[in-house]
Amino acid sequence: MSLEPEFWDAFRKIAAEEGKPINVLAAEIDVARGADVGLASAIRVFVLRRVMER
């Protein structure tokens, strides 16, 4: 999966804050995403929403 370095950094930080390995968090996002949404896009949106909540 291809993400920009900034998204990887933010994704790792979120996973650490939740006490989860990034692969576990990615799997949770994968299960929740729609069939028409790519995993990388779903992760970007997840990260963006988390940042916007802060």
PDB file of N, CA and C in Angstrom:
ATOM      1  N   MET A   1       0.854  -1.161   0.000  1.00  0.00           N
ATOM      2  CA  MET A   1       0.000   0.000   0.000  1.00  0.00           C
ATOM      3  C   MET A   1       0.905   1.230   0.000  1.00  0.00           C
ATOM      4  N   SER A   2       0.495   2.217  -0.761  1.00  0.00           N
ATOM      5  CA  SER A   2       1.305   3.415  -0.914  1.00  0.00           C
ATOM      6  C   SER A   2       0.642   4.611  -0.247  1.00  0.00           C
ATOM      7  N   LEU A   3       1.338   5.164   0.737  1.00  0.00           N
ATOM      8  CA  LEU A   3       0.910   6.399   1.396  1.00  0.00           C
ATOM      9  C   LEU A   3       2.082   7.360   1.409  1.00  0.00           C
ATOM     10  N   GLU A   4       1.778   8.626   1.406  1.00  0.00           N
ATOM     11  CA  GLU A   4       2.803   9.641   1.522  1.00  0.00           C
ATOM     12  C   GLU A   4       3.416   9.553   2.925  1.00  0.00           C
ATOM     13  N   PRO A   5       4.697   9.942   3.049  1.00  0.00           N
ATOM     14  CA  PRO A   5       5.365   9.832   4.343  1.00  0.00           C
ATOM     15  C   PRO A   5       4.610  10.525   5.486  1.00  0.00           C
ATOM     16  N   GLU A   6       3.997  11.656   5.200  1.00  0.00           N
ATOM     17  CA  GLU A   6       3.257  12.380   6.238  1.00  0.00           C
ATOM     18  C   GLU A   6       2.063  11.573   6.739  1.00  0.00           C
ATOM     19  N   PHE A   7       1.396  10.860   5.829  1.00  0.00           N
ATOM     20  CA  PHE A   7       0.271  10.019   6.247  1.00  0.00           C
ATOM     21  C   PHE A   7       0.762   8.814   7.039  1.00  0.00           C
ATOM     22  N   TRP A   8       1.886   8.227   6.619  1.00  0.00           N
ATOM     23  CA  TRP A   8       2.458   7.118   7.387  1.00  0.00           C
ATOM     24  C   TRP A   8       2.789   7.561   8.807  1.00  0.00           C
ATOM     25  N   ASP A   9       3.431   8.722   8.923  1.00  0.00           N
ATOM     26  CA  ASP A   9       3.799   9.237  10.242  1.00  0.00           C
ATOM     27  C   ASP A   9       2.570   9.437  11.118  1.00  0.00           C
ATOM     28  N   ALA A  10       1.542  10.082  10.565  1.00  0.00           N
ATOM     29  CA  ALA A  10       0.321  10.329  11.326  1.00  0.00           C
ATOM     30  C   ALA A  10      -0.384   9.019  11.665  1.00  0.00           C
ATOM     31  N   PHE A  11      -0.398   8.092  10.721  1.00  0.00           N
ATOM     32  CA  PHE A  11      -1.053   6.798  10.952  1.00  0.00           C
ATOM     33  C   PHE A  11      -0.347   6.026  12.058  1.00  0.00           C
ATOM     34  N   ARG A  12       0.976   6.015  12.037  1.00  0.00           N
ATOM     35  CA  ARG A  12       1.744   5.348  13.107  1.00  0.00           C
ATOM     36  C   ARG A  12       1.477   5.998  14.462  1.00  0.00           C
ATOM     37  N   LYS A  13       1.399   7.319  14.481  1.00  0.00           N
ATOM     38  CA  LYS A  13       1.134   8.032  15.726  1.00  0.00           C
ATOM     39  C   LYS A  13      -0.243   7.684  16.277  1.00  0.00           C
ATOM     40  N   ILE A  14      -1.239   7.661  15.419  1.00  0.00           N
ATOM     41  CA  ILE A  14      -2.601   7.304  15.849  1.00  0.00           C
ATOM     42  C   ILE A  14      -2.628   5.877  16.384  1.00  0.00           C
ATOM     43  N   ALA A  15      -1.989   4.963  15.665  1.00  0.00           N
ATOM     44  CA  ALA A  15      -1.948   3.568  16.117  1.00  0.00           C
ATOM     45  C   ALA A  15      -1.285   3.468  17.489  1.00  0.00           C
ATOM     46  N   ALA A  16      -0.190   4.185  17.681  1.00  0.00           N
ATOM     47  CA  ALA A  16       0.510   4.161  18.970  1.00  0.00           C
ATOM     48  C   ALA A  16      -0.381   4.724  20.072  1.00  0.00           C
ATOM     49  N   GLU A  17      -1.090   5.805  19.775  1.00  0.00           N
ATOM     50  CA  GLU A  17      -1.991   6.406  20.762  1.00  0.00           C
ATOM     51  C   GLU A  17      -3.095   5.428  21.169  1.00  0.00           C
ATOM     52  N   GLU A  18      -3.524   4.593  20.215  1.00  0.00           N
ATOM     53  CA  GLU A  18      -4.564   3.602  20.503  1.00  0.00           C
ATOM     54  C   GLU A  18      -3.987   2.301  21.052  1.00  0.00           C
ATOM     55  N   GLY A  19      -2.663   2.211  21.106  1.00  0.00           N
ATOM     56  CA  GLY A  19      -2.022   1.000  21.616  1.00  0.00           C
ATOM     57  C   GLY A  19      -2.183  -0.197  20.694  1.00  0.00           C
ATOM     58  N   LYS A  20      -2.202   0.075  19.381  1.00  0.00           N
ATOM     59  CA  LYS A  20      -2.396  -0.992  18.397  1.00  0.00           C
ATOM     60  C   LYS A  20      -1.252  -0.975  17.385  1.00  0.00           C
ATOM     61  N   PRO A  21      -0.860  -2.148  16.914  1.00  0.00           N
ATOM     62  CA  PRO A  21       0.068  -2.175  15.783  1.00  0.00           C
ATOM     63  C   PRO A  21      -0.628  -1.590  14.547  1.00  0.00           C
ATOM     64  N   ILE A  22       0.149  -0.990  13.636  1.00  0.00           N
ATOM     65  CA  ILE A  22      -0.488  -0.371  12.472  1.00  0.00           C
ATOM     66  C   ILE A  22      -1.231  -1.386  11.607  1.00  0.00           C
ATOM     67  N   ASN A  23      -0.753  -2.635  11.573  1.00  0.00           N
ATOM     68  CA  ASN A  23      -1.454  -3.626  10.755  1.00  0.00           C
ATOM     69  C   ASN A  23      -2.829  -3.954  11.333  1.00  0.00           C
ATOM     70  N   VAL A  24      -2.985  -3.904  12.637  1.00  0.00           N
ATOM     71  CA  VAL A  24      -4.287  -4.141  13.261  1.00  0.00           C
ATOM     72  C   VAL A  24      -5.232  -2.986  12.946  1.00  0.00           C
ATOM     73  N   LEU A  25      -4.742  -1.765  13.078  1.00  0.00           N
ATOM     74  CA  LEU A  25      -5.556  -0.595  12.764  1.00  0.00           C
ATOM     75  C   LEU A  25      -5.928  -0.591  11.284  1.00  0.00           C
ATOM     76  N   ALA A  26      -4.986  -0.935  10.418  1.00  0.00           N
ATOM     77  CA  ALA A  26      -5.275  -1.009   8.981  1.00  0.00           C
ATOM     78  C   ALA A  26      -6.344  -2.068   8.694  1.00  0.00           C
ATOM     79  N   ALA A  27      -6.282  -3.189   9.385  1.00  0.00           N
ATOM     80  CA  ALA A  27      -7.283  -4.240   9.187  1.00  0.00           C
ATOM     81  C   ALA A  27      -8.663  -3.764   9.622  1.00  0.00           C
ATOM     82  N   GLU A  28      -8.725  -3.008  10.713  1.00  0.00           N
ATOM     83  CA  GLU A  28     -10.014  -2.467  11.169  1.00  0.00           C
ATOM     84  C   GLU A  28     -10.589  -1.492  10.141  1.00  0.00           C
ATOM     85  N   ILE A  29      -9.743  -0.657   9.582  1.00  0.00           N
ATOM     86  CA  ILE A  29     -10.182   0.288   8.560  1.00  0.00           C
ATOM     87  C   ILE A  29     -10.608  -0.467   7.313  1.00  0.00           C
ATOM     88  N   ASP A  30      -9.868  -1.510   6.965  1.00  0.00           N
ATOM     89  CA  ASP A  30     -10.174  -2.322   5.790  1.00  0.00           C
ATOM     90  C   ASP A  30     -11.568  -2.939   5.896  1.00  0.00           C
ATOM     91  N   VAL A  31     -11.897  -3.459   7.059  1.00  0.00           N
ATOM     92  CA  VAL A  31     -13.206  -4.092   7.267  1.00  0.00           C
ATOM     93  C   VAL A  31     -14.335  -3.064   7.165  1.00  0.00           C
ATOM     94  N   ALA A  32     -14.067  -1.849   7.645  1.00  0.00           N
ATOM     95  CA  ALA A  32     -15.105  -0.819   7.707  1.00  0.00           C
ATOM     96  C   ALA A  32     -15.305  -0.065   6.395  1.00  0.00           C
ATOM     97  N   ARG A  33     -14.351  -0.130   5.487  1.00  0.00           N
ATOM     98  CA  ARG A  33     -14.456   0.669   4.256  1.00  0.00           C
ATOM     99  C   ARG A  33     -15.438   0.048   3.275  1.00  0.00           C
ATOM    100  N   GLY A  34     -15.929   0.883   2.398  1.00  0.00           N
ATOM    101  CA  GLY A  34     -16.828   0.395   1.355  1.00  0.00           C
ATOM    102  C   GLY A  34     -16.057  -0.323   0.267  1.00  0.00           C
ATOM    103  N   ALA A  35     -16.760  -1.151  -0.483  1.00  0.00           N
ATOM    104  CA  ALA A  35     -16.129  -1.930  -1.545  1.00  0.00           C
ATOM    105  C   ALA A  35     -15.573  -1.039  -2.657  1.00  0.00           C
ATOM    106  N   ASP A  36     -16.109   0.163  -2.786  1.00  0.00           N
ATOM    107  CA  ASP A  36     -15.673   1.060  -3.845  1.00  0.00           C
ATOM    108  C   ASP A  36     -14.566   2.014  -3.400  1.00  0.00           C
ATOM    109  N   VAL A  37     -14.039   1.829  -2.191  1.00  0.00           N
ATOM    110  CA  VAL A  37     -12.998   2.702  -1.643  1.00  0.00           C
ATOM    111  C   VAL A  37     -11.727   1.890  -1.452  1.00  0.00           C
ATOM    112  N   GLY A  38     -10.630   2.392  -1.988  1.00  0.00           N
ATOM    113  CA  GLY A  38      -9.348   1.725  -1.807  1.00  0.00           C
ATOM    114  C   GLY A  38      -8.857   1.856  -0.373  1.00  0.00           C
ATOM    115  N   LEU A  39      -8.041   0.905   0.050  1.00  0.00           N
ATOM    116  CA  LEU A  39      -7.545   0.916   1.424  1.00  0.00           C
ATOM    117  C   LEU A  39      -6.692   2.153   1.701  1.00  0.00           C
ATOM    118  N   ALA A  40      -5.815   2.518   0.791  1.00  0.00           N
ATOM    119  CA  ALA A  40      -4.973   3.698   1.013  1.00  0.00           C
ATOM    120  C   ALA A  40      -5.840   4.948   1.163  1.00  0.00           C
ATOM    121  N   SER A  41      -6.859   5.071   0.342  1.00  0.00           N
ATOM    122  CA  SER A  41      -7.765   6.223   0.452  1.00  0.00           C
ATOM    123  C   SER A  41      -8.513   6.199   1.773  1.00  0.00           C
ATOM    124  N   ALA A  42      -8.953   5.034   2.194  1.00  0.00           N
ATOM    125  CA  ALA A  42      -9.673   4.915   3.466  1.00  0.00           C
ATOM    126  C   ALA A  42      -8.770   5.310   4.634  1.00  0.00           C
ATOM    127  N   ILE A  43      -7.505   4.941   4.573  1.00  0.00           N
ATOM    128  CA  ILE A  43      -6.570   5.310   5.637  1.00  0.00           C
ATOM    129  C   ILE A  43      -6.324   6.815   5.627  1.00  0.00           C
ATOM    130  N   ARG A  44      -6.177   7.393   4.448  1.00  0.00           N
ATOM    131  CA  ARG A  44      -5.988   8.847   4.375  1.00  0.00           C
ATOM    132  C   ARG A  44      -7.173   9.588   4.994  1.00  0.00           C
ATOM    133  N   VAL A  45      -8.377   9.151   4.675  1.00  0.00           N
ATOM    134  CA  VAL A  45      -9.579   9.790   5.228  1.00  0.00           C
ATOM    135  C   VAL A  45      -9.634   9.587   6.737  1.00  0.00           C
ATOM    136  N   PHE A  46      -9.293   8.396   7.207  1.00  0.00           N
ATOM    137  CA  PHE A  46      -9.255   8.112   8.640  1.00  0.00           C
ATOM    138  C   PHE A  46      -8.292   9.064   9.346  1.00  0.00           C
ATOM    139  N   VAL A  47      -7.093   9.203   8.792  1.00  0.00           N
ATOM    140  CA  VAL A  47      -6.090  10.100   9.383  1.00  0.00           C
ATOM    141  C   VAL A  47      -6.587  11.538   9.364  1.00  0.00           C
ATOM    142  N   LEU A  48      -7.134  11.965   8.242  1.00  0.00           N
ATOM    143  CA  LEU A  48      -7.640  13.329   8.129  1.00  0.00           C
ATOM    144  C   LEU A  48      -8.724  13.612   9.163  1.00  0.00           C
ATOM    145  N   ARG A  49      -9.643  12.678   9.316  1.00  0.00           N
ATOM    146  CA  ARG A  49     -10.720  12.872  10.316  1.00  0.00           C
ATOM    147  C   ARG A  49     -10.158  12.977  11.715  1.00  0.00           C
ATOM    148  N   ARG A  50      -9.178  12.137  12.036  1.00  0.00           N
ATOM    149  CA  ARG A  50      -8.570  12.203  13.370  1.00  0.00           C
ATOM    150  C   ARG A  50      -7.900  13.539  13.611  1.00  0.00           C
ATOM    151  N   VAL A  51      -7.175  14.029  12.609  1.00  0.00           N
ATOM    152  CA  VAL A  51      -6.489  15.308  12.736  1.00  0.00           C
ATOM    153  C   VAL A  51      -7.509  16.429  12.891  1.00  0.00           C
ATOM    154  N   MET A  52      -8.586  16.377  12.153  1.00  0.00           N
ATOM    155  CA  MET A  52      -9.607  17.414  12.221  1.00  0.00           C
ATOM    156  C   MET A  52     -10.337  17.410  13.564  1.00  0.00           C
ATOM    157  N   GLU A  53     -10.417  16.249  14.225  1.00  0.00           N
ATOM    158  CA  GLU A  53     -11.076  16.140  15.535  1.00  0.00           C
ATOM    159  C   GLU A  53     -10.270  16.838  16.623  1.00  0.00           C
ATOM    160  N   ARG A  54      -8.992  17.004  16.414  1.00  0.00           N
ATOM    161  CA  ARG A  54      -8.110  17.563  17.443  1.00  0.00           C
ATOM    162  C   ARG A  54      -8.221  19.030  17.559  1.00  0.00           C
TER     163      ARG A  54
END
